[in-house]
Amino acid sequence: MLLGIDIGGTSIKVGVFDIDFTLIKKYSFPTKSFDNSSSFFDFLNQDISIISDAYSVEAIGIGIPGLLSKELILEKSPNLQFLEGVNLVENLINKISVPVVIENDANMAALSELIGKSNGNIDNFIFLTLGTGVGGSIIIGGQPFQGDYGLAGEIGHIIIESNFDENVIDYRTGTLESKCGKQGIIDYYKSIKGENESIGVKELTELAENGDQIATKTLDHTAFHLASGILSVIHTLNICKIVIGGGIANSNYLLQKTTNYVNKRVMYENKALISINRAKHNEDSGVYGAAYCAKTKLLSIQQKEKNERNDFNK
């Protein structure tokens, strides 16, 4: 069995899979119940141990949001700030008895798209996750592009609005995430409807699908900025396949509006080059991708052991 864990700013999703990626069991726990790294890791390690023992788990994949260095230190995580600076080798890998692979959550989610594909049928693509924040991954030849220090793919931090004010400049000012992350979407809706209005993103998208004017205006605003970020990536990398995951990606209205805005503004004459699609596993992309990485890790270890036996017997 494989364990896929997707740590998000709102919840921790855990999926138990067989070796062929059939989802056997899924769990979810609120992330907001933790305010320090010690209690978080105590809970996570205990939870992993219980589930691993119950299902005879052979390998585990864990996706976590933020800038994850090659040494597996979480350098920056806007939505999990209490984990910043934490060494994940010491706090997770060394405390788990089975092989573990840890990767940026958006990279994990992107790799879920490779499940069921042969090595000769893997496209380059950009993966965006729309959730508490906006995550991104650049997949080239079936592997996440990591950049010089393993920190590439933070598409949510593309600057799409640059009103100058030196008093409020930080790394989140004017970013794609500030417009298309959960809070940014809700804040825009409230700015029209009224500050006291209480609504979640799921409810807002349902209202838009049913023609509510304020909800549709909110998603138009989201789609315009999302398209701006997507166009920046397309024009920079010339990668034209875009995959979008996360709860809000369930909105047909948002996906269609985003596609329309991209097609209007892309510089390429052949619009058919561009494809924007919903992720195969959508809200569960993170756990599927984590399981995919767990299996890759397991197969790598098994191959290494086989090679060592062969060398020994020569």
Protein backbone atom coordinates (compact mmCIF):
# COMPACT_ATOMS: atom_id res chain seq x y z
CA MET A 1 0.00 0.00 0.00
CA LEU A 2 0.98 3.62 -0.59
CA LEU A 3 0.18 6.71 1.47
CA GLY A 4 -0.32 10.09 -0.19
CA ILE A 5 -0.43 13.16 2.06
CA ASP A 6 -1.35 16.65 0.87
CA ILE A 7 -0.67 19.34 3.46
CA GLY A 8 -2.59 22.52 2.65
CA GLY A 9 -3.23 25.84 4.30
CA THR A 10 -6.75 24.75 5.29
CA SER A 11 -6.61 20.98 5.63
CA ILE A 12 -4.38 17.91 5.60
CA LYS A 13 -5.65 15.29 3.15
CA VAL A 14 -4.48 11.69 3.45
CA GLY A 15 -5.14 8.98 0.86
CA VAL A 16 -4.43 5.25 1.12
CA PHE A 17 -3.78 3.66 -2.29
CA ASP A 18 -2.96 0.25 -3.62
CA ILE A 19 0.05 -0.10 -5.93
CA ASP A 20 -2.14 0.63 -9.00
CA PHE A 21 -3.41 3.93 -7.49
CA THR A 22 -6.86 2.76 -6.53
CA LEU A 23 -7.95 5.01 -3.67
CA ILE A 24 -8.83 2.73 -0.74
CA LYS A 25 -9.48 5.28 2.00
CA LYS A 26 -9.35 9.05 2.39
CA TYR A 27 -8.99 11.16 5.53
CA SER A 28 -9.02 14.91 6.12
CA PHE A 29 -7.92 16.98 9.13
CA PRO A 30 -8.02 20.78 9.66
CA THR A 31 -4.63 22.49 9.44
CA LYS A 32 -5.91 25.54 11.29
CA SER A 33 -6.03 23.59 14.56
CA PHE A 34 -2.21 23.88 14.80
CA ASP A 35 -0.30 27.01 15.74
CA ASN A 36 3.20 25.63 16.25
CA SER A 37 5.46 23.10 14.54
CA SER A 38 5.81 20.76 17.54
CA SER A 39 2.10 20.01 17.89
CA PHE A 40 1.77 19.75 14.11
CA PHE A 41 4.53 17.16 13.73
CA ASP A 42 3.45 15.23 16.84
CA PHE A 43 -0.02 14.85 15.33
CA LEU A 44 1.20 14.10 11.80
CA ASN A 45 3.76 11.49 12.85
CA GLN A 46 1.26 9.76 15.13
CA ASP A 47 -1.39 9.84 12.40
CA ILE A 48 1.01 8.45 9.80
CA SER A 49 2.09 5.67 12.16
CA ILE A 50 -1.49 4.56 12.91
CA ILE A 51 -2.59 4.55 9.26
CA SER A 52 0.65 2.95 8.04
CA ASP A 53 0.31 0.09 10.51
CA ALA A 54 -3.37 -0.42 9.71
CA TYR A 55 -2.79 -0.69 5.95
CA SER A 56 0.77 -2.10 5.81
CA VAL A 57 2.02 0.97 3.96
CA GLU A 58 5.30 0.47 2.07
CA ALA A 59 6.08 4.07 1.06
CA ILE A 60 4.79 7.58 1.73
CA GLY A 61 4.64 10.77 -0.33
CA ILE A 62 4.10 14.14 1.34
CA GLY A 63 3.33 17.42 -0.42
CA ILE A 64 3.78 20.69 1.47
CA PRO A 65 3.16 24.27 0.29
CA GLY A 66 5.94 26.81 0.05
CA LEU A 67 9.59 27.17 -0.89
CA LEU A 68 11.22 23.85 -0.14
CA SER A 69 15.01 23.78 -0.45
CA LYS A 70 16.98 20.82 -1.79
CA GLU A 71 17.93 20.09 1.84
CA LEU A 72 14.18 19.87 2.64
CA ILE A 73 14.05 22.99 4.76
CA LEU A 74 10.78 24.88 4.37
CA GLU A 75 12.18 28.33 3.67
CA LYS A 76 8.91 30.18 3.12
CA SER A 77 5.28 29.12 3.44
CA PRO A 78 2.83 32.03 3.45
CA ASN A 79 -0.12 29.87 4.53
CA LEU A 80 1.80 27.74 7.06
CA GLN A 81 4.10 30.31 8.61
CA PHE A 82 4.55 28.31 11.81
CA LEU A 83 6.51 25.72 9.76
CA GLU A 84 8.95 28.17 8.17
CA GLY A 85 12.58 27.29 8.78
CA VAL A 86 11.73 23.74 9.82
CA ASN A 87 13.94 20.85 8.70
CA LEU A 88 11.59 18.19 7.34
CA VAL A 89 14.27 15.49 7.37
CA GLU A 90 14.62 15.77 11.13
CA ASN A 91 10.93 16.26 11.88
CA LEU A 92 9.36 13.78 9.45
CA ILE A 93 11.63 11.50 7.42
CA ASN A 94 13.81 10.36 10.34
CA LYS A 95 10.75 9.54 12.44
CA ILE A 96 8.94 7.35 9.90
CA SER A 97 9.89 3.70 9.48
CA VAL A 98 9.10 3.38 5.74
CA PRO A 99 10.56 5.27 2.75
CA VAL A 100 9.31 8.87 2.51
CA VAL A 101 9.53 11.43 -0.29
CA ILE A 102 8.70 15.09 0.37
CA GLU A 103 8.07 17.63 -2.37
CA ASN A 104 6.38 20.99 -2.93
CA ASP A 105 2.62 20.38 -2.94
CA ALA A 106 2.04 21.84 -6.41
CA ASN A 107 4.77 19.63 -7.89
CA MET A 108 3.14 16.62 -6.24
CA ALA A 109 -0.29 17.58 -7.58
CA ALA A 110 1.14 18.10 -11.08
CA LEU A 111 2.72 14.64 -11.10
CA SER A 112 -0.71 13.08 -10.55
CA GLU A 113 -1.35 13.89 -14.21
CA LEU A 114 1.27 11.27 -15.16
CA ILE A 115 -0.64 8.37 -13.59
CA GLY A 116 -1.55 5.96 -16.35
CA LYS A 117 0.75 7.55 -18.94
CA SER A 118 3.64 5.75 -20.61
CA ASN A 119 7.06 7.41 -20.65
CA GLY A 120 6.77 8.12 -24.34
CA ASN A 121 3.47 9.96 -23.95
CA ILE A 122 4.38 12.73 -21.49
CA ASP A 123 3.85 16.35 -22.49
CA ASN A 124 5.40 19.46 -21.06
CA PHE A 125 2.77 21.33 -19.09
CA ILE A 126 2.10 24.00 -16.47
CA PHE A 127 0.07 23.00 -13.43
CA LEU A 128 -1.77 25.54 -11.27
CA THR A 129 -3.47 24.78 -7.96
CA LEU A 130 -6.16 27.18 -6.79
CA GLY A 131 -6.83 26.81 -3.09
CA THR A 132 -5.97 28.76 0.03
CA GLY A 133 -3.08 30.07 -2.08
CA VAL A 134 -2.07 29.63 -5.71
CA GLY A 135 0.58 27.00 -6.32
CA GLY A 136 2.38 26.23 -9.53
CA SER A 137 4.56 23.61 -11.16
CA ILE A 138 6.48 23.48 -14.43
CA ILE A 139 6.64 19.91 -15.76
CA ILE A 140 9.24 19.27 -18.46
CA GLY A 141 9.75 15.74 -19.76
CA GLY A 142 7.77 14.28 -16.87
CA GLN A 143 9.82 16.00 -14.13
CA PRO A 144 9.27 19.24 -12.18
CA PHE A 145 11.65 21.96 -13.28
CA GLN A 146 13.44 22.90 -10.06
CA GLY A 147 15.58 25.91 -10.96
CA ASP A 148 18.97 26.69 -9.41
CA TYR A 149 17.98 26.05 -5.79
CA GLY A 150 14.94 23.78 -6.08
CA LEU A 151 12.49 26.66 -5.71
CA ALA A 152 11.08 27.08 -9.23
CA GLY A 153 7.41 27.06 -10.18
CA GLU A 154 5.99 29.63 -7.73
CA ILE A 155 3.58 30.93 -10.35
CA GLY A 156 1.26 32.26 -7.65
CA HIS A 157 3.91 34.90 -6.94
CA ILE A 158 4.03 36.33 -10.45
CA ILE A 159 3.46 40.09 -10.10
CA ILE A 160 0.31 41.02 -12.03
CA GLU A 161 -0.44 44.37 -10.39
CA SER A 162 2.31 46.86 -9.64
CA ASN A 163 0.85 50.00 -8.08
CA PHE A 164 3.92 51.55 -6.50
CA ASP A 165 3.89 52.20 -2.77
CA GLU A 166 7.23 51.65 -1.08
CA ASN A 167 5.49 51.31 2.30
CA VAL A 168 3.62 48.11 1.39
CA ILE A 169 6.11 46.33 -0.85
CA ASP A 170 6.70 42.71 0.13
CA TYR A 171 6.83 39.44 -1.78
CA ARG A 172 3.02 39.09 -1.77
CA THR A 173 2.15 42.57 -3.02
CA GLY A 174 0.26 42.50 -6.32
CA THR A 175 0.74 38.76 -6.86
CA LEU A 176 -1.46 36.32 -8.74
CA GLU A 177 -2.16 34.63 -5.40
CA SER A 178 -3.43 37.87 -3.88
CA LYS A 179 -6.12 37.99 -6.59
CA CYS A 180 -6.88 34.32 -7.24
CA GLY A 181 -6.27 32.68 -3.86
CA LYS A 182 -9.25 31.89 -1.65
CA GLN A 183 -9.08 35.07 0.43
CA GLY A 184 -8.52 37.34 -2.55
CA ILE A 185 -11.63 35.99 -4.28
CA ILE A 186 -13.79 36.34 -1.17
CA ASP A 187 -12.46 39.84 -0.44
CA TYR A 188 -13.38 41.01 -3.94
CA TYR A 189 -16.89 39.57 -3.59
CA LYS A 190 -17.34 41.33 -0.23
CA SER A 191 -16.11 44.63 -1.67
CA ILE A 192 -19.17 44.58 -3.93
CA LYS A 193 -21.74 42.75 -1.83
CA GLY A 194 -20.79 44.18 1.55
CA GLU A 195 -18.14 43.49 4.17
CA ASN A 196 -20.53 41.62 6.47
CA GLU A 197 -21.44 39.05 3.84
CA SER A 198 -20.23 35.57 4.80
CA ILE A 199 -19.52 33.20 1.91
CA GLY A 200 -17.13 30.42 0.90
CA VAL A 201 -15.53 29.94 -2.51
CA LYS A 202 -17.61 26.82 -3.25
CA GLU A 203 -20.86 28.67 -2.55
CA LEU A 204 -19.69 31.63 -4.62
CA THR A 205 -18.93 29.46 -7.67
CA GLU A 206 -22.33 27.79 -7.36
CA LEU A 207 -23.98 31.22 -7.36
CA ALA A 208 -22.03 32.16 -10.48
CA GLU A 209 -23.05 28.96 -12.27
CA ASN A 210 -26.66 29.94 -11.53
CA GLY A 211 -26.26 33.43 -12.93
CA ASP A 212 -25.84 35.55 -9.80
CA GLN A 213 -24.51 38.91 -11.03
CA ILE A 214 -22.11 39.69 -8.19
CA ALA A 215 -20.74 36.13 -8.15
CA THR A 216 -20.21 36.17 -11.93
CA LYS A 217 -18.50 39.58 -11.71
CA THR A 218 -16.22 38.14 -9.01
CA LEU A 219 -15.27 35.16 -11.16
CA ASP A 220 -14.78 37.46 -14.17
CA HIS A 221 -12.29 39.39 -12.05
CA THR A 222 -10.60 36.15 -10.94
CA ALA A 223 -10.48 34.78 -14.50
CA PHE A 224 -8.96 38.00 -15.87
CA HIS A 225 -6.09 37.91 -13.38
CA LEU A 226 -5.66 34.13 -13.70
CA ALA A 227 -5.38 34.55 -17.47
CA SER A 228 -2.77 37.29 -16.94
CA GLY A 229 -0.61 34.91 -14.93
CA ILE A 230 -1.09 32.09 -17.42
CA LEU A 231 -0.17 34.34 -20.35
CA SER A 232 3.02 35.43 -18.59
CA VAL A 233 4.05 31.80 -18.25
CA ILE A 234 3.06 30.82 -21.80
CA HIS A 235 4.94 33.75 -23.34
CA THR A 236 8.01 33.14 -21.18
CA LEU A 237 8.30 29.35 -21.53
CA ASN A 238 6.36 28.57 -24.70
CA ILE A 239 4.63 25.76 -22.82
CA CYS A 240 1.04 25.85 -24.03
CA LYS A 241 -0.64 23.06 -22.07
CA ILE A 242 -2.16 24.39 -18.83
CA VAL A 243 -3.77 22.19 -16.17
CA ILE A 244 -5.73 23.73 -13.29
CA GLY A 245 -6.60 21.94 -10.06
CA GLY A 246 -8.21 22.84 -6.75
CA GLY A 247 -11.80 23.26 -5.60
CA ILE A 248 -12.54 26.40 -7.61
CA ALA A 249 -11.42 24.62 -10.77
CA ASN A 250 -14.75 22.78 -10.58
CA SER A 251 -16.33 25.97 -11.91
CA ASN A 252 -17.04 25.60 -15.62
CA TYR A 253 -17.73 29.33 -15.74
CA LEU A 254 -14.27 30.22 -14.39
CA LEU A 255 -12.48 27.78 -16.70
CA GLN A 256 -14.32 29.05 -19.79
CA LYS A 257 -13.81 32.71 -18.91
CA THR A 258 -10.10 32.14 -18.25
CA THR A 259 -9.72 30.35 -21.59
CA ASN A 260 -11.51 33.20 -23.39
CA TYR A 261 -9.25 35.84 -21.84
CA VAL A 262 -6.12 33.83 -22.69
CA ASN A 263 -7.20 33.33 -26.31
CA LYS A 264 -7.95 37.05 -26.70
CA ARG A 265 -4.54 38.15 -25.47
CA VAL A 266 -2.08 35.40 -26.44
CA MET A 267 0.42 36.56 -29.07
CA TYR A 268 0.36 33.29 -31.04
CA GLU A 269 -1.73 33.28 -34.22
CA ASN A 270 -2.65 29.60 -33.83
CA LYS A 271 -4.95 29.61 -30.79
CA ALA A 272 -5.33 25.83 -31.08
CA LEU A 273 -1.84 25.54 -29.60
CA ILE A 274 -3.27 26.55 -26.22
CA SER A 275 -5.13 24.08 -24.01
CA ILE A 276 -6.52 24.84 -20.55
CA ASN A 277 -8.04 21.88 -18.76
CA ARG A 278 -9.18 20.79 -15.34
CA ALA A 279 -6.87 18.41 -13.48
CA LYS A 280 -7.72 14.71 -13.79
CA HIS A 281 -7.98 14.25 -10.04
CA ASN A 282 -8.85 17.88 -9.30
CA GLU A 283 -9.23 18.42 -5.51
CA ASP A 284 -7.50 15.08 -4.88
CA SER A 285 -4.55 15.79 -7.20
CA GLY A 286 -2.29 16.33 -4.21
CA VAL A 287 -2.87 12.94 -2.61
CA TYR A 288 -2.71 11.11 -5.96
CA GLY A 289 0.51 12.89 -6.85
CA ALA A 290 2.00 12.11 -3.44
CA ALA A 291 1.12 8.43 -3.93
CA TYR A 292 2.71 8.55 -7.40
CA CYS A 293 5.94 9.87 -5.88
CA ALA A 294 5.77 7.26 -3.11
CA LYS A 295 5.57 4.48 -5.70
CA THR A 296 8.45 6.00 -7.68
CA LYS A 297 10.54 6.06 -4.50
CA LEU A 298 9.62 2.47 -3.65
CA LEU A 299 10.45 1.18 -7.15
CA SER A 300 13.77 3.05 -7.05
CA ILE A 301 14.71 1.39 -3.76
CA GLN A 302 13.67 -2.04 -5.03
CA GLN A 303 15.71 -1.56 -8.21
CA LYS A 304 18.74 -0.48 -6.20
CA GLU A 305 18.46 -3.55 -3.96
CA LYS A 306 18.14 -5.78 -7.04
CA ASN A 307 21.25 -4.25 -8.59
CA GLU A 308 23.21 -4.74 -5.36
CA ARG A 309 22.16 -8.42 -5.22
CA ASN A 310 23.22 -8.89 -8.83
CA ASP A 311 26.60 -7.27 -8.13
CA PHE A 312 27.06 -9.46 -5.06
CA ASN A 313 26.33 -12.65 -7.04
CA LYS A 314 28.80 -11.87 -9.82
